Structures are given as C-alpha cells and as structure tokens.
Amino acid sequence: MVRWWSGSSWSDVATPVGPGVAVQSSPVLAPPVPTTAPFEPPTPPGSGNRIPWIVGISLLVLVAVVGAALFLGRSSSESPVASPETASSQPLPPPGPRFPPGTVRIIDEASGVSYPFLGDGWYEWALWEQAETTATAGQYFTTQEVTPDGTTFISQCSSGPLTDGFGWAGPSTLQTTLAAVAESVRLHYYPAPNERKVLRDEARTVDGHAAQLYEFQLSWDVPGYDASGERAALLLIDVGRPAPALLYISIPNTHAELYGVIDRVLDSVDVL
C-alpha cells in the first residue's frame, strides 16, 4: 500500500501500488540499523552474585513462554481457519489478455505509431471502442471494477486513428482538433460535474512529424468513485495518413505514483 505526495501534503488514504512501481522503506521513517554492537556498560565490582538468580529468572520466563505458545497453538488448531475465498471481500479485477513474453513496445499498425509497453500488470486492450478513434490498440489496468453508473474505471495508454467529426483538415488544425477531442474525452469517460485544469497545450515534433499535446487534470466530488480526479494527456500526431494518430494516456489519482508514466510514453513515441 502506498500514499502519494502532492508537493505539499500526503494523500488521506493508502491505496494499492500501481503496476511497475517498487515500494521501498524510507530512510527517514525507518532509520538504518546500527552496524556496530551496542555499548554495554562494564559490570560493577561485587555484582557477580547476580548471575545465578538472573539465570533462574530467565529459565522461569522461558518455561512461561513455551507454555503460552503450546496453549495458543492448541487454541488456534481448534478454531476454524478462514478460507482464501472468505479472507478478503475485495473483488479482484477481471483478467485481460496479456502481451506475448518479451514485448517491449506496442505497435499500432492502424494509426501508424508505436510506444513503450509499461510492463507487468498492464493488459492488452480488449475493451470498448473509443468514441474518438476508428480502432483502438494499447494497454490498460482496472482501478475500480464497478462505478456508481455501472461502468469500469481504468488507467489506460491507448491509440488509434482519429475518427471524423473533430475538424481535422491538416497540420494547421492540430490544436483546434485536439481541443475538440479533449471535450469529447471529458464528456464520455469521467463523472460529472468535474473541473479541469490545463497543464500543457503545446505544439510538438514526434519522430519528425508535427504534433500537438494537451495535458489536463480533472477533479470531481461524486460519491461512489474511488478516484476524485485524474491526470490525462492527449497527443495528436500528423503521421502523413488521411487520419492523424491519437494517443490517450490517463492515470486516476488513486495511482498518482504512476503520473511519471505520461512523460515516459510521450518521450518515446515513434511513427511507423
């Protein structure tokens, strides 16, 4: 379980660590174990007669501990042990198709881009078709199996060729087209009402191709959702085809330790 640091405070709740994150002990919260033997004061003169009664008391304590262990062992053997099915009431996320062993990049032939596979815990995309793309490839993992509106909440890194209806008319329309896509994403995949804070809206070059990045943070206060917000990034790339390629990355704040995944993917996109 992890808590995340916002820059000014810790999160209120602890959440399961996201895929690909290693949890380590803090040297501040868990001071290092001393490597030298602790100092033992010398025995004062005339204290040698303490040894016999110290040994006697130690034997009595040992007998008491052994007796308690036997009693507790007998008691535990007589009590029923919870089965794995009843030990936890938390539902497990449904398994998805896994990538072939040795996969290091996801190759999206339909949209004409490739980007890193994020490792164990991420499943190959086998969910719904996105409203913004004509086909969908990529990776995801489940963050909430059932939301109040009956859907599944996920973290995703997906791509596909942009569908018609967003105003695409060549590289000069990258920014306006992506702004329309961002409104569609906000409408289709997040609880309402929500507030949006734009983090980046900038022109980019991806593998020598013109592109536009739009990154934003959404927040909401809707009962029944594990997350109260999400960071998302949309990257629209003119790949030299009739439809530009759309890359969509989303990380809910229940797994804020994975926010670094966004730049990791953005910095490693290639055009096929």
C-alpha atoms as a PDB file:
ATOM      1  CA  MET A   1       0.000   0.000   0.000  1.00  0.00           C
ATOM      2  CA  VAL A   2       1.235   3.490  -0.783  1.00  0.00           C
ATOM      3  CA  ARG A   3       0.452   7.126  -0.090  1.00  0.00           C
ATOM      4  CA  TRP A   4       1.446   9.809  -2.543  1.00  0.00           C
ATOM      5  CA  TRP A   5       2.996  13.233  -2.031  1.00  0.00           C
ATOM      6  CA  SER A   6       1.309  16.151  -3.820  1.00  0.00           C
ATOM      7  CA  GLY A   7       4.182  18.545  -3.175  1.00  0.00           C
ATOM      8  CA  SER A   8       2.629  19.971  -0.013  1.00  0.00           C
ATOM      9  CA  SER A   9       0.848  17.111   1.772  1.00  0.00           C
ATOM     10  CA  TRP A  10       0.305  13.334   1.839  1.00  0.00           C
ATOM     11  CA  SER A  11      -2.848  11.712   0.461  1.00  0.00           C
ATOM     12  CA  ASP A  12      -5.592  10.948   3.020  1.00  0.00           C
ATOM     13  CA  VAL A  13      -5.827   7.271   2.148  1.00  0.00           C
ATOM     14  CA  ALA A  14      -3.421   4.482   1.280  1.00  0.00           C
ATOM     15  CA  THR A  15      -4.044   2.650  -1.997  1.00  0.00           C
ATOM     16  CA  PRO A  16      -2.638  -0.474  -3.680  1.00  0.00           C
ATOM     17  CA  VAL A  17       0.579   0.275  -5.504  1.00  0.00           C
ATOM     18  CA  GLY A  18       0.196   0.584  -9.280  1.00  0.00           C
ATOM     19  CA  PRO A  19       1.834  -1.780 -11.772  1.00  0.00           C
ATOM     20  CA  GLY A  20       5.543  -1.294 -12.275  1.00  0.00           C
ATOM     21  CA  VAL A  21       6.174   0.650  -9.035  1.00  0.00           C
ATOM     22  CA  ALA A  22       8.645  -0.678  -6.465  1.00  0.00           C
ATOM     23  CA  VAL A  23       7.927   0.260  -2.848  1.00  0.00           C
ATOM     24  CA  GLN A  24      10.932   0.856  -0.605  1.00  0.00           C
ATOM     25  CA  SER A  25      11.402   1.834   3.027  1.00  0.00           C
ATOM     26  CA  SER A  26      12.075   5.481   3.788  1.00  0.00           C
ATOM     27  CA  PRO A  27      15.459   6.089   5.469  1.00  0.00           C
ATOM     28  CA  VAL A  28      13.746   8.899   7.422  1.00  0.00           C
ATOM     29  CA  LEU A  29      10.765   6.892   8.657  1.00  0.00           C
ATOM     30  CA  ALA A  30      12.805   3.712   9.151  1.00  0.00           C
ATOM     31  CA  PRO A  31      16.279   4.680  10.476  1.00  0.00           C
ATOM     32  CA  PRO A  32      19.140   2.359   9.457  1.00  0.00           C
ATOM     33  CA  VAL A  33      20.049  -0.498  11.766  1.00  0.00           C
ATOM     34  CA  PRO A  34      23.342   0.202  13.573  1.00  0.00           C
ATOM     35  CA  THR A  35      26.215  -1.866  12.194  1.00  0.00           C
ATOM     36  CA  THR A  36      28.214  -1.928  15.445  1.00  0.00           C
ATOM     37  CA  ALA A  37      27.327  -3.757  18.629  1.00  0.00           C
ATOM     38  CA  PRO A  38      25.505  -1.601  21.210  1.00  0.00           C
ATOM     39  CA  PHE A  39      27.563  -0.303  24.096  1.00  0.00           C
ATOM     40  CA  GLU A  40      27.387  -2.473  27.211  1.00  0.00           C
ATOM     41  CA  PRO A  41      28.463  -0.858  30.493  1.00  0.00           C
ATOM     42  CA  PRO A  42      31.028  -2.792  32.480  1.00  0.00           C
ATOM     43  CA  THR A  43      29.781  -4.914  35.360  1.00  0.00           C
ATOM     44  CA  PRO A  44      30.358  -3.045  38.630  1.00  0.00           C
ATOM     45  CA  PRO A  45      32.500  -4.713  41.273  1.00  0.00           C
ATOM     46  CA  GLY A  46      30.656  -7.074  43.569  1.00  0.00           C
ATOM     47  CA  SER A  47      27.807  -7.699  41.112  1.00  0.00           C
ATOM     48  CA  GLY A  48      28.936 -11.234  40.216  1.00  0.00           C
ATOM     49  CA  ASN A  49      26.435 -12.741  42.640  1.00  0.00           C
ATOM     50  CA  ARG A  50      23.584 -11.555  40.319  1.00  0.00           C
ATOM     51  CA  ILE A  51      24.329 -14.239  37.709  1.00  0.00           C
ATOM     52  CA  PRO A  52      22.689 -17.253  39.455  1.00  0.00           C
ATOM     53  CA  TRP A  53      19.357 -15.517  40.114  1.00  0.00           C
ATOM     54  CA  ILE A  54      19.325 -13.864  36.665  1.00  0.00           C
ATOM     55  CA  VAL A  55      19.725 -17.328  35.104  1.00  0.00           C
ATOM     56  CA  GLY A  56      16.934 -18.652  37.325  1.00  0.00           C
ATOM     57  CA  ILE A  57      14.527 -15.897  36.338  1.00  0.00           C
ATOM     58  CA  SER A  58      15.424 -16.424  32.651  1.00  0.00           C
ATOM     59  CA  LEU A  59      14.548 -20.123  32.928  1.00  0.00           C
ATOM     60  CA  LEU A  60      11.191 -19.284  34.524  1.00  0.00           C
ATOM     61  CA  VAL A  61      10.415 -16.833  31.735  1.00  0.00           C
ATOM     62  CA  LEU A  62      11.388 -19.434  29.108  1.00  0.00           C
ATOM     63  CA  VAL A  63       9.044 -22.009  30.673  1.00  0.00           C
ATOM     64  CA  ALA A  64       6.201 -19.469  30.746  1.00  0.00           C
ATOM     65  CA  VAL A  65       6.731 -18.549  27.067  1.00  0.00           C
ATOM     66  CA  VAL A  66       6.806 -22.187  25.944  1.00  0.00           C
ATOM     67  CA  GLY A  67       3.636 -22.913  27.909  1.00  0.00           C
ATOM     68  CA  ALA A  68       1.837 -19.944  26.382  1.00  0.00           C
ATOM     69  CA  ALA A  69       2.917 -20.984  22.883  1.00  0.00           C
ATOM     70  CA  LEU A  70       1.592 -24.519  23.403  1.00  0.00           C
ATOM     71  CA  PHE A  71      -1.706 -23.169  24.739  1.00  0.00           C
ATOM     72  CA  LEU A  72      -2.121 -20.726  21.834  1.00  0.00           C
ATOM     73  CA  GLY A  73      -1.183 -23.422  19.321  1.00  0.00           C
ATOM     74  CA  ARG A  74      -3.855 -25.733  20.735  1.00  0.00           C
ATOM     75  CA  SER A  75      -6.438 -22.933  20.721  1.00  0.00           C
ATOM     76  CA  SER A  76      -5.667 -21.963  17.136  1.00  0.00           C
ATOM     77  CA  SER A  77      -5.871 -25.584  15.982  1.00  0.00           C
ATOM     78  CA  GLU A  78      -9.373 -25.800  17.428  1.00  0.00           C
ATOM     79  CA  SER A  79     -10.581 -22.590  15.712  1.00  0.00           C
ATOM     80  CA  PRO A  80     -11.703 -22.619  12.084  1.00  0.00           C
ATOM     81  CA  VAL A  81      -9.267 -21.036   9.613  1.00  0.00           C
ATOM     82  CA  ALA A  82     -10.689 -18.579   7.108  1.00  0.00           C
ATOM     83  CA  SER A  83     -10.589 -19.940   3.575  1.00  0.00           C
ATOM     84  CA  PRO A  84      -8.915 -17.878   0.843  1.00  0.00           C
ATOM     85  CA  GLU A  85     -12.366 -17.132  -0.557  1.00  0.00           C
ATOM     86  CA  THR A  86     -13.569 -15.506   2.670  1.00  0.00           C
ATOM     87  CA  ALA A  87     -10.292 -13.938   3.791  1.00  0.00           C
ATOM     88  CA  SER A  88     -10.877 -10.836   1.675  1.00  0.00           C
ATOM     89  CA  SER A  89     -14.084  -9.283   0.444  1.00  0.00           C
ATOM     90  CA  GLN A  90     -12.285  -7.117  -2.118  1.00  0.00           C
ATOM     91  CA  PRO A  91     -13.164  -8.193  -5.685  1.00  0.00           C
ATOM     92  CA  LEU A  92     -10.256  -8.902  -7.994  1.00  0.00           C
ATOM     93  CA  PRO A  93     -10.133  -7.045 -11.305  1.00  0.00           C
ATOM     94  CA  PRO A  94     -11.090  -9.215 -14.264  1.00  0.00           C
ATOM     95  CA  PRO A  95      -8.047 -10.612 -16.080  1.00  0.00           C
ATOM     96  CA  GLY A  96      -7.373  -9.370 -19.580  1.00  0.00           C
ATOM     97  CA  PRO A  97      -5.287 -10.676 -22.475  1.00  0.00           C
ATOM     98  CA  ARG A  98      -1.564 -10.462 -21.835  1.00  0.00           C
ATOM     99  CA  PHE A  99       1.090  -9.341 -24.283  1.00  0.00           C
ATOM    100  CA  PRO A 100       3.470 -12.003 -25.636  1.00  0.00           C
ATOM    101  CA  PRO A 101       6.568 -12.545 -23.463  1.00  0.00           C
ATOM    102  CA  GLY A 102       9.393 -10.239 -24.451  1.00  0.00           C
ATOM    103  CA  THR A 103       7.122  -7.397 -25.618  1.00  0.00           C
ATOM    104  CA  VAL A 104       8.854  -4.049 -25.167  1.00  0.00           C
ATOM    105  CA  ARG A 105       6.783  -1.826 -27.489  1.00  0.00           C
ATOM    106  CA  ILE A 106       3.183  -1.699 -28.656  1.00  0.00           C
ATOM    107  CA  ILE A 107       2.945  -1.473 -32.443  1.00  0.00           C
ATOM    108  CA  ASP A 108      -0.287   0.162 -33.597  1.00  0.00           C
ATOM    109  CA  GLU A 109      -0.348  -0.506 -37.337  1.00  0.00           C
ATOM    110  CA  ALA A 110      -3.793   1.056 -37.764  1.00  0.00           C
ATOM    111  CA  SER A 111      -2.754   4.520 -36.558  1.00  0.00           C
ATOM    112  CA  GLY A 112       0.911   4.326 -37.554  1.00  0.00           C
ATOM    113  CA  VAL A 113       2.635   4.775 -34.170  1.00  0.00           C
ATOM    114  CA  SER A 114       4.457   2.719 -31.544  1.00  0.00           C
ATOM    115  CA  TYR A 115       5.173   3.387 -27.854  1.00  0.00           C
ATOM    116  CA  PRO A 116       6.521   1.520 -24.774  1.00  0.00           C
ATOM    117  CA  PHE A 117       4.778  -1.428 -23.156  1.00  0.00           C
ATOM    118  CA  LEU A 118       4.598  -0.466 -19.483  1.00  0.00           C
ATOM    119  CA  GLY A 119       5.222  -3.932 -18.054  1.00  0.00           C
ATOM    120  CA  ASP A 120       3.586  -6.477 -15.773  1.00  0.00           C
ATOM    121  CA  GLY A 121       0.134  -5.531 -14.535  1.00  0.00           C
ATOM    122  CA  TRP A 122      -0.843  -3.809 -17.793  1.00  0.00           C
ATOM    123  CA  TYR A 123      -3.153  -5.791 -20.080  1.00  0.00           C
ATOM    124  CA  GLU A 124      -3.538  -5.654 -23.832  1.00  0.00           C
ATOM    125  CA  TRP A 125      -6.503  -3.504 -24.873  1.00  0.00           C
ATOM    126  CA  ALA A 126      -9.607  -5.670 -25.284  1.00  0.00           C
ATOM    127  CA  LEU A 127     -12.325  -3.311 -24.060  1.00  0.00           C
ATOM    128  CA  TRP A 128     -14.765  -0.967 -25.755  1.00  0.00           C
ATOM    129  CA  GLU A 129     -14.038   1.072 -28.866  1.00  0.00           C
ATOM    130  CA  GLN A 130     -13.191   4.678 -28.102  1.00  0.00           C
ATOM    131  CA  ALA A 131     -15.551   7.332 -29.434  1.00  0.00           C
ATOM    132  CA  GLU A 132     -12.610   9.335 -30.763  1.00  0.00           C
ATOM    133  CA  THR A 133     -10.849   6.650 -32.827  1.00  0.00           C
ATOM    134  CA  THR A 134     -11.859   4.272 -35.598  1.00  0.00           C
ATOM    135  CA  ALA A 135      -9.858   1.439 -33.993  1.00  0.00           C
ATOM    136  CA  THR A 136      -8.183   1.079 -30.601  1.00  0.00           C
ATOM    137  CA  ALA A 137      -4.907  -0.529 -29.524  1.00  0.00           C
ATOM    138  CA  GLY A 138      -2.891  -0.175 -26.340  1.00  0.00           C
ATOM    139  CA  GLN A 139      -2.810  -1.210 -22.687  1.00  0.00           C
ATOM    140  CA  TYR A 140      -4.817  -0.749 -19.505  1.00  0.00           C
ATOM    141  CA  PHE A 141      -5.428  -1.938 -15.954  1.00  0.00           C
ATOM    142  CA  THR A 142      -8.593  -1.779 -13.851  1.00  0.00           C
ATOM    143  CA  THR A 143      -8.680   0.722 -10.977  1.00  0.00           C
ATOM    144  CA  GLN A 144     -12.354   0.284  -9.972  1.00  0.00           C
ATOM    145  CA  GLU A 145     -14.320  -2.723 -11.154  1.00  0.00           C
ATOM    146  CA  VAL A 146     -17.804  -1.186 -10.853  1.00  0.00           C
ATOM    147  CA  THR A 147     -18.550   2.536 -10.594  1.00  0.00           C
ATOM    148  CA  PRO A 148     -21.888   4.058  -9.472  1.00  0.00           C
ATOM    149  CA  ASP A 149     -23.058   4.246 -13.097  1.00  0.00           C
ATOM    150  CA  GLY A 150     -22.229   0.559 -13.677  1.00  0.00           C
ATOM    151  CA  THR A 151     -19.075   1.055 -15.745  1.00  0.00           C
ATOM    152  CA  THR A 152     -15.448   0.043 -15.131  1.00  0.00           C
ATOM    153  CA  PHE A 153     -12.863   2.698 -14.264  1.00  0.00           C
ATOM    154  CA  ILE A 154      -9.425   2.121 -15.767  1.00  0.00           C
ATOM    155  CA  SER A 155      -5.995   3.572 -16.279  1.00  0.00           C
ATOM    156  CA  GLN A 156      -5.062   3.429 -19.938  1.00  0.00           C
ATOM    157  CA  CYS A 157      -2.498   4.151 -22.608  1.00  0.00           C
ATOM    158  CA  SER A 158      -4.271   3.669 -25.936  1.00  0.00           C
ATOM    159  CA  SER A 159      -4.060   4.836 -29.527  1.00  0.00           C
ATOM    160  CA  GLY A 160      -5.911   4.806 -32.819  1.00  0.00           C
ATOM    161  CA  PRO A 161      -6.682   6.738 -35.998  1.00  0.00           C
ATOM    162  CA  LEU A 162      -8.784   9.819 -35.269  1.00  0.00           C
ATOM    163  CA  THR A 163     -12.406   9.469 -36.347  1.00  0.00           C
ATOM    164  CA  ASP A 164     -14.204  12.097 -38.437  1.00  0.00           C
ATOM    165  CA  GLY A 165     -16.111  14.969 -36.871  1.00  0.00           C
ATOM    166  CA  PHE A 166     -13.402  16.817 -34.941  1.00  0.00           C
ATOM    167  CA  GLY A 167     -12.434  19.329 -37.631  1.00  0.00           C
ATOM    168  CA  TRP A 168      -9.228  17.732 -38.906  1.00  0.00           C
ATOM    169  CA  ALA A 169      -8.019  19.454 -42.094  1.00  0.00           C
ATOM    170  CA  GLY A 170      -4.259  19.013 -41.947  1.00  0.00           C
ATOM    171  CA  PRO A 171      -1.376  20.032 -39.657  1.00  0.00           C
ATOM    172  CA  SER A 172      -2.607  23.620 -39.307  1.00  0.00           C
ATOM    173  CA  THR A 173      -5.682  22.344 -37.424  1.00  0.00           C
ATOM    174  CA  LEU A 174      -3.830  20.174 -34.883  1.00  0.00           C
ATOM    175  CA  GLN A 175      -4.574  22.471 -31.935  1.00  0.00           C
ATOM    176  CA  THR A 176      -8.266  23.121 -32.664  1.00  0.00           C
ATOM    177  CA  THR A 177      -8.889  19.459 -33.499  1.00  0.00           C
ATOM    178  CA  LEU A 178      -7.273  18.261 -30.271  1.00  0.00           C
ATOM    179  CA  ALA A 179      -9.282  20.774 -28.219  1.00  0.00           C
ATOM    180  CA  ALA A 180     -12.468  19.233 -29.620  1.00  0.00           C
ATOM    181  CA  VAL A 181     -11.161  15.734 -28.849  1.00  0.00           C
ATOM    182  CA  ALA A 182     -10.431  16.782 -25.247  1.00  0.00           C
ATOM    183  CA  GLU A 183     -14.040  17.912 -24.811  1.00  0.00           C
ATOM    184  CA  SER A 184     -15.266  14.548 -26.124  1.00  0.00           C
ATOM    185  CA  VAL A 185     -12.998  12.620 -23.747  1.00  0.00           C
ATOM    186  CA  ARG A 186     -14.175  14.698 -20.795  1.00  0.00           C
ATOM    187  CA  LEU A 187     -17.806  14.071 -21.725  1.00  0.00           C
ATOM    188  CA  HIS A 188     -17.563  10.323 -22.363  1.00  0.00           C
ATOM    189  CA  TYR A 189     -15.219   8.936 -19.701  1.00  0.00           C
ATOM    190  CA  TYR A 190     -15.473  10.979 -16.492  1.00  0.00           C
ATOM    191  CA  PRO A 191     -18.108  11.598 -13.809  1.00  0.00           C
ATOM    192  CA  ALA A 192     -19.848  14.969 -13.845  1.00  0.00           C
ATOM    193  CA  PRO A 193     -19.683  17.638 -12.671  1.00  0.00           C
ATOM    194  CA  ASN A 194     -15.911  17.978 -12.861  1.00  0.00           C
ATOM    195  CA  GLU A 195     -13.366  20.753 -13.024  1.00  0.00           C
ATOM    196  CA  ARG A 196     -10.474  20.875 -15.480  1.00  0.00           C
ATOM    197  CA  LYS A 197      -7.042  22.424 -15.094  1.00  0.00           C
ATOM    198  CA  VAL A 198      -4.954  22.575 -18.274  1.00  0.00           C
ATOM    199  CA  LEU A 199      -1.333  21.626 -17.594  1.00  0.00           C
ATOM    200  CA  ARG A 200       0.100  21.745 -21.132  1.00  0.00           C
ATOM    201  CA  ASP A 201      -1.253  22.789 -24.536  1.00  0.00           C
ATOM    202  CA  GLU A 202       1.728  22.894 -26.849  1.00  0.00           C
ATOM    203  CA  ALA A 203       2.958  22.090 -30.324  1.00  0.00           C
ATOM    204  CA  ARG A 204       5.476  19.246 -30.557  1.00  0.00           C
ATOM    205  CA  THR A 205       7.506  17.279 -33.054  1.00  0.00           C
ATOM    206  CA  VAL A 206       7.231  13.493 -32.733  1.00  0.00           C
ATOM    207  CA  ASP A 207       9.793  11.500 -34.690  1.00  0.00           C
ATOM    208  CA  GLY A 208       9.978  14.336 -37.214  1.00  0.00           C
ATOM    209  CA  HIS A 209       6.189  14.746 -37.516  1.00  0.00           C
ATOM    210  CA  ALA A 210       4.074  17.727 -36.408  1.00  0.00           C
ATOM    211  CA  ALA A 211       2.016  17.033 -33.281  1.00  0.00           C
ATOM    212  CA  GLN A 212       0.005  18.726 -30.534  1.00  0.00           C
ATOM    213  CA  LEU A 213      -0.009  17.816 -26.824  1.00  0.00           C
ATOM    214  CA  TYR A 214      -2.913  18.600 -24.481  1.00  0.00           C
ATOM    215  CA  GLU A 215      -2.455  17.525 -20.839  1.00  0.00           C
ATOM    216  CA  PHE A 216      -5.007  18.260 -18.124  1.00  0.00           C
ATOM    217  CA  GLN A 217      -6.041  17.428 -14.569  1.00  0.00           C
ATOM    218  CA  LEU A 218      -9.700  16.704 -13.816  1.00  0.00           C
ATOM    219  CA  SER A 219     -11.224  16.734 -10.324  1.00  0.00           C
ATOM    220  CA  TRP A 220     -14.694  15.777  -9.098  1.00  0.00           C
ATOM    221  CA  ASP A 221     -16.604  15.069  -5.912  1.00  0.00           C
ATOM    222  CA  VAL A 222     -19.001  12.277  -6.864  1.00  0.00           C
ATOM    223  CA  PRO A 223     -19.971   9.634  -4.239  1.00  0.00           C
ATOM    224  CA  GLY A 224     -19.101   6.037  -5.054  1.00  0.00           C
ATOM    225  CA  TYR A 225     -15.946   6.698  -7.063  1.00  0.00           C
ATOM    226  CA  ASP A 226     -12.634   5.537  -5.630  1.00  0.00           C
ATOM    227  CA  ALA A 227     -10.848   8.325  -7.513  1.00  0.00           C
ATOM    228  CA  SER A 228     -11.575  12.006  -7.051  1.00  0.00           C
ATOM    229  CA  GLY A 229      -9.577  13.087 -10.060  1.00  0.00           C
ATOM    230  CA  GLU A 230      -7.397  12.038 -12.959  1.00  0.00           C
ATOM    231  CA  ARG A 231      -4.422  13.282 -14.943  1.00  0.00           C
ATOM    232  CA  ALA A 232      -4.685  12.709 -18.690  1.00  0.00           C
ATOM    233  CA  ALA A 233      -2.682  13.533 -21.798  1.00  0.00           C
ATOM    234  CA  LEU A 234      -3.807  13.583 -25.430  1.00  0.00           C
ATOM    235  CA  LEU A 235      -1.234  13.581 -28.223  1.00  0.00           C
ATOM    236  CA  LEU A 236      -2.377  14.128 -31.810  1.00  0.00           C
ATOM    237  CA  ILE A 237       0.222  13.352 -34.496  1.00  0.00           C
ATOM    238  CA  ASP A 238       0.145  14.080 -38.221  1.00  0.00           C
ATOM    239  CA  VAL A 239       1.533  10.720 -39.413  1.00  0.00           C
ATOM    240  CA  GLY A 240       1.101  11.513 -43.105  1.00  0.00           C
ATOM    241  CA  ARG A 241      -2.083   9.492 -43.448  1.00  0.00           C
ATOM    242  CA  PRO A 242      -5.667  10.662 -44.069  1.00  0.00           C
ATOM    243  CA  ALA A 243      -6.325  10.480 -40.304  1.00  0.00           C
ATOM    244  CA  PRO A 244      -3.876  11.650 -37.619  1.00  0.00           C
ATOM    245  CA  ALA A 245      -2.905   9.272 -34.803  1.00  0.00           C
ATOM    246  CA  LEU A 246      -4.382   9.931 -31.351  1.00  0.00           C
ATOM    247  CA  LEU A 247      -2.581   8.744 -28.217  1.00  0.00           C
ATOM    248  CA  TYR A 248      -4.569   8.888 -24.952  1.00  0.00           C
ATOM    249  CA  ILE A 249      -2.963   8.351 -21.526  1.00  0.00           C
ATOM    250  CA  SER A 250      -4.977   8.509 -18.292  1.00  0.00           C
ATOM    251  CA  ILE A 251      -3.936   7.922 -14.658  1.00  0.00           C
ATOM    252  CA  PRO A 252      -6.521   8.323 -11.829  1.00  0.00           C
ATOM    253  CA  ASN A 253      -5.287   9.905  -8.597  1.00  0.00           C
ATOM    254  CA  THR A 254      -5.705   6.605  -6.745  1.00  0.00           C
ATOM    255  CA  HIS A 255      -2.490   5.659  -8.588  1.00  0.00           C
ATOM    256  CA  ALA A 256      -0.751   9.029  -8.634  1.00  0.00           C
ATOM    257  CA  GLU A 257       2.614   7.308  -8.203  1.00  0.00           C
ATOM    258  CA  LEU A 258       2.254   6.435 -11.915  1.00  0.00           C
ATOM    259  CA  TYR A 259       1.997  10.029 -13.163  1.00  0.00           C
ATOM    260  CA  GLY A 260       5.570   9.716 -14.435  1.00  0.00           C
ATOM    261  CA  VAL A 261       4.335   7.165 -16.984  1.00  0.00           C
ATOM    262  CA  ILE A 262       2.886  10.045 -19.027  1.00  0.00           C
ATOM    263  CA  ASP A 263       6.218  11.646 -19.892  1.00  0.00           C
ATOM    264  CA  ARG A 264       7.865   8.249 -20.266  1.00  0.00           C
ATOM    265  CA  VAL A 265       5.435   7.377 -23.049  1.00  0.00           C
ATOM    266  CA  LEU A 266       5.312  10.828 -24.653  1.00  0.00           C
ATOM    267  CA  ASP A 267       9.097  10.947 -24.948  1.00  0.00           C
ATOM    268  CA  SER A 268       9.254   7.504 -26.598  1.00  0.00           C
ATOM    269  CA  VAL A 269       6.584   7.618 -29.321  1.00  0.00           C
ATOM    270  CA  ASP A 270       7.747   6.621 -32.811  1.00  0.00           C
ATOM    271  CA  VAL A 271       5.959   6.991 -36.140  1.00  0.00           C
ATOM    272  CA  LEU A 272       5.937   3.789 -38.198  1.00  0.00           C
END
